[in-house]
């Protein structure tokens, strides 16, 4: 059996937590920030968890990490 390769694009975007959940960054915090409020921008900085429905697909892309 060949080794299973990690999807490098997914590895750069997602990290696993200690309990095995998948953590991701928010979108919309890259440019065009002048029209967004301070509260919205500060919320977008903090990481969040991936939705339950997407978790299995992402875990298949990252078997080792």
N, C-alpha and C. Protein backbone atom coordinates (compact mmCIF):
# COMPACT_ATOMS: atom_id res chain seq x y z
N UNK A 1 0.84 -1.20 0.00
CA UNK A 1 0.00 0.00 0.00
C UNK A 1 0.88 1.25 0.00
N UNK A 2 0.62 2.21 -0.89
CA UNK A 2 1.38 3.45 -0.84
C UNK A 2 0.93 4.31 0.34
N UNK A 3 1.82 5.21 0.70
CA UNK A 3 1.49 6.14 1.78
C UNK A 3 0.43 7.12 1.30
N UNK A 4 -0.41 7.59 2.22
CA UNK A 4 -1.43 8.59 1.90
C UNK A 4 -0.80 9.96 2.05
N UNK A 5 -0.88 10.76 0.98
CA UNK A 5 -0.29 12.09 1.03
C UNK A 5 -1.28 13.10 1.61
N UNK A 6 -0.74 14.06 2.34
CA UNK A 6 -1.53 15.17 2.86
C UNK A 6 -1.78 16.16 1.74
N UNK A 7 -3.00 16.67 1.64
CA UNK A 7 -3.33 17.71 0.68
C UNK A 7 -2.69 19.01 1.16
N UNK A 8 -1.70 19.50 0.42
CA UNK A 8 -0.89 20.62 0.91
C UNK A 8 -1.70 21.91 1.04
N UNK A 9 -2.69 22.11 0.17
CA UNK A 9 -3.52 23.30 0.28
C UNK A 9 -4.33 23.29 1.56
N UNK A 10 -4.85 22.12 1.93
CA UNK A 10 -5.62 22.00 3.16
C UNK A 10 -4.72 22.14 4.38
N UNK A 11 -3.50 21.61 4.31
CA UNK A 11 -2.58 21.69 5.44
C UNK A 11 -2.22 23.13 5.78
N UNK A 12 -2.20 24.00 4.77
CA UNK A 12 -1.87 25.40 5.01
C UNK A 12 -3.05 26.19 5.56
N UNK A 13 -4.26 25.68 5.37
CA UNK A 13 -5.46 26.42 5.79
C UNK A 13 -6.05 25.95 7.11
N UNK A 14 -5.84 24.71 7.47
CA UNK A 14 -6.50 24.12 8.64
C UNK A 14 -5.49 23.54 9.61
N UNK A 15 -5.86 23.58 10.91
CA UNK A 15 -5.05 22.95 11.96
C UNK A 15 -5.99 22.13 12.82
N UNK A 16 -5.47 21.05 13.39
CA UNK A 16 -6.26 20.24 14.30
C UNK A 16 -6.10 20.74 15.73
N UNK A 17 -7.19 20.69 16.49
CA UNK A 17 -7.12 21.03 17.91
C UNK A 17 -6.70 19.78 18.68
N UNK A 18 -6.50 19.92 19.97
CA UNK A 18 -6.11 18.80 20.79
C UNK A 18 -7.17 17.70 20.84
N UNK A 19 -8.43 18.08 20.68
CA UNK A 19 -9.51 17.09 20.74
C UNK A 19 -9.85 16.52 19.36
N UNK A 20 -9.13 16.98 18.30
CA UNK A 20 -9.34 16.41 16.98
C UNK A 20 -10.27 17.21 16.08
N UNK A 21 -10.78 18.35 16.57
CA UNK A 21 -11.61 19.18 15.72
C UNK A 21 -10.71 19.98 14.77
N UNK A 22 -11.30 20.58 13.75
CA UNK A 22 -10.54 21.32 12.76
C UNK A 22 -10.77 22.82 12.95
N UNK A 23 -9.68 23.57 13.01
CA UNK A 23 -9.74 25.01 13.20
C UNK A 23 -9.44 25.71 11.88
N UNK A 24 -10.10 26.83 11.63
CA UNK A 24 -9.89 27.60 10.40
C UNK A 24 -9.93 29.09 10.70
N UNK A 25 -9.43 29.89 9.76
CA UNK A 25 -9.50 31.35 9.86
C UNK A 25 -10.75 31.85 9.16
N UNK A 26 -11.21 33.03 9.55
CA UNK A 26 -12.35 33.64 8.89
C UNK A 26 -11.94 34.26 7.56
N UNK A 27 -12.89 34.35 6.65
CA UNK A 27 -12.69 35.08 5.40
C UNK A 27 -13.03 36.55 5.62
N UNK A 28 -12.84 37.36 4.59
CA UNK A 28 -13.20 38.79 4.58
C UNK A 28 -12.36 39.65 5.50
N UNK A 29 -11.12 39.24 5.78
CA UNK A 29 -10.26 40.09 6.59
C UNK A 29 -8.93 40.32 5.89
N UNK A 30 -8.99 40.53 4.58
CA UNK A 30 -7.77 40.67 3.79
C UNK A 30 -7.63 42.06 3.19
N UNK A 31 -8.69 42.58 2.61
CA UNK A 31 -8.64 43.90 2.01
C UNK A 31 -10.04 44.50 2.07
N UNK A 32 -10.17 45.74 1.61
CA UNK A 32 -11.43 46.50 1.71
C UNK A 32 -11.89 46.59 3.17
N UNK A 33 -10.94 46.90 4.05
CA UNK A 33 -11.24 46.90 5.48
C UNK A 33 -11.77 48.24 5.98
N UNK A 34 -11.65 49.29 5.17
CA UNK A 34 -12.06 50.61 5.66
C UNK A 34 -13.57 50.69 5.84
N UNK A 35 -14.32 49.96 5.04
CA UNK A 35 -15.79 50.02 5.15
C UNK A 35 -16.34 49.08 6.22
N UNK A 36 -15.50 48.22 6.77
CA UNK A 36 -15.96 47.28 7.81
C UNK A 36 -15.74 47.90 9.18
N UNK A 37 -16.64 47.61 10.08
CA UNK A 37 -16.55 48.17 11.42
C UNK A 37 -15.46 47.52 12.24
N UNK A 38 -15.03 48.21 13.31
CA UNK A 38 -13.99 47.71 14.19
C UNK A 38 -14.39 46.39 14.83
N UNK A 39 -15.64 46.30 15.23
CA UNK A 39 -16.14 45.09 15.89
C UNK A 39 -16.09 43.90 14.93
N UNK A 40 -16.51 44.11 13.70
CA UNK A 40 -16.48 43.04 12.71
C UNK A 40 -15.06 42.59 12.44
N UNK A 41 -14.14 43.55 12.28
CA UNK A 41 -12.76 43.21 11.97
C UNK A 41 -12.10 42.43 13.11
N UNK A 42 -12.38 42.81 14.34
CA UNK A 42 -11.77 42.10 15.47
C UNK A 42 -12.33 40.68 15.60
N UNK A 43 -13.60 40.50 15.25
CA UNK A 43 -14.17 39.15 15.27
C UNK A 43 -13.56 38.26 14.19
N UNK A 44 -13.23 38.84 13.04
CA UNK A 44 -12.70 38.06 11.93
C UNK A 44 -11.26 37.60 12.17
N UNK A 45 -10.56 38.22 13.11
CA UNK A 45 -9.18 37.84 13.41
C UNK A 45 -9.13 36.49 14.12
N UNK A 46 -10.10 36.24 14.99
CA UNK A 46 -10.07 35.05 15.83
C UNK A 46 -10.42 33.80 15.01
N UNK A 47 -9.70 32.70 15.22
CA UNK A 47 -10.03 31.47 14.50
C UNK A 47 -11.34 30.86 14.99
N UNK A 48 -11.94 30.02 14.16
CA UNK A 48 -13.18 29.36 14.52
C UNK A 48 -13.10 27.91 14.08
N UNK A 49 -14.08 27.11 14.46
CA UNK A 49 -14.09 25.70 14.08
C UNK A 49 -14.83 25.50 12.77
N UNK A 50 -14.41 24.48 12.05
CA UNK A 50 -15.06 24.11 10.79
C UNK A 50 -16.42 23.50 11.12
N UNK A 51 -17.39 23.71 10.25
CA UNK A 51 -18.73 23.16 10.44
C UNK A 51 -18.67 21.63 10.48
N UNK A 52 -19.58 21.04 11.27
CA UNK A 52 -19.63 19.58 11.43
C UNK A 52 -19.76 18.87 10.09
N UNK A 53 -20.56 19.45 9.18
CA UNK A 53 -20.82 18.80 7.90
C UNK A 53 -19.58 18.77 7.00
N UNK A 54 -18.63 19.68 7.20
CA UNK A 54 -17.42 19.73 6.37
C UNK A 54 -16.24 19.01 7.01
N UNK A 55 -16.36 18.68 8.28
CA UNK A 55 -15.23 18.15 9.03
C UNK A 55 -14.69 16.84 8.45
N UNK A 56 -15.56 15.92 8.07
CA UNK A 56 -15.12 14.62 7.56
C UNK A 56 -14.32 14.77 6.27
N UNK A 57 -14.75 15.66 5.39
CA UNK A 57 -14.05 15.86 4.11
C UNK A 57 -12.65 16.42 4.35
N UNK A 58 -12.52 17.34 5.29
CA UNK A 58 -11.22 17.95 5.55
C UNK A 58 -10.30 16.95 6.25
N UNK A 59 -10.86 16.12 7.13
CA UNK A 59 -10.03 15.12 7.79
C UNK A 59 -9.49 14.09 6.78
N UNK A 60 -10.24 13.82 5.71
CA UNK A 60 -9.73 12.93 4.67
C UNK A 60 -8.56 13.55 3.92
N UNK A 61 -8.57 14.89 3.78
CA UNK A 61 -7.49 15.57 3.09
C UNK A 61 -6.23 15.62 3.94
N UNK A 62 -6.39 15.56 5.27
CA UNK A 62 -5.25 15.66 6.18
C UNK A 62 -5.19 14.44 7.09
N UNK A 63 -4.75 13.30 6.58
CA UNK A 63 -4.75 12.09 7.40
C UNK A 63 -3.72 12.10 8.53
N UNK A 64 -2.68 12.92 8.42
CA UNK A 64 -1.59 12.85 9.40
C UNK A 64 -1.50 14.05 10.32
N UNK A 65 -2.30 15.07 10.09
CA UNK A 65 -2.06 16.23 10.93
C UNK A 65 -3.26 17.04 11.11
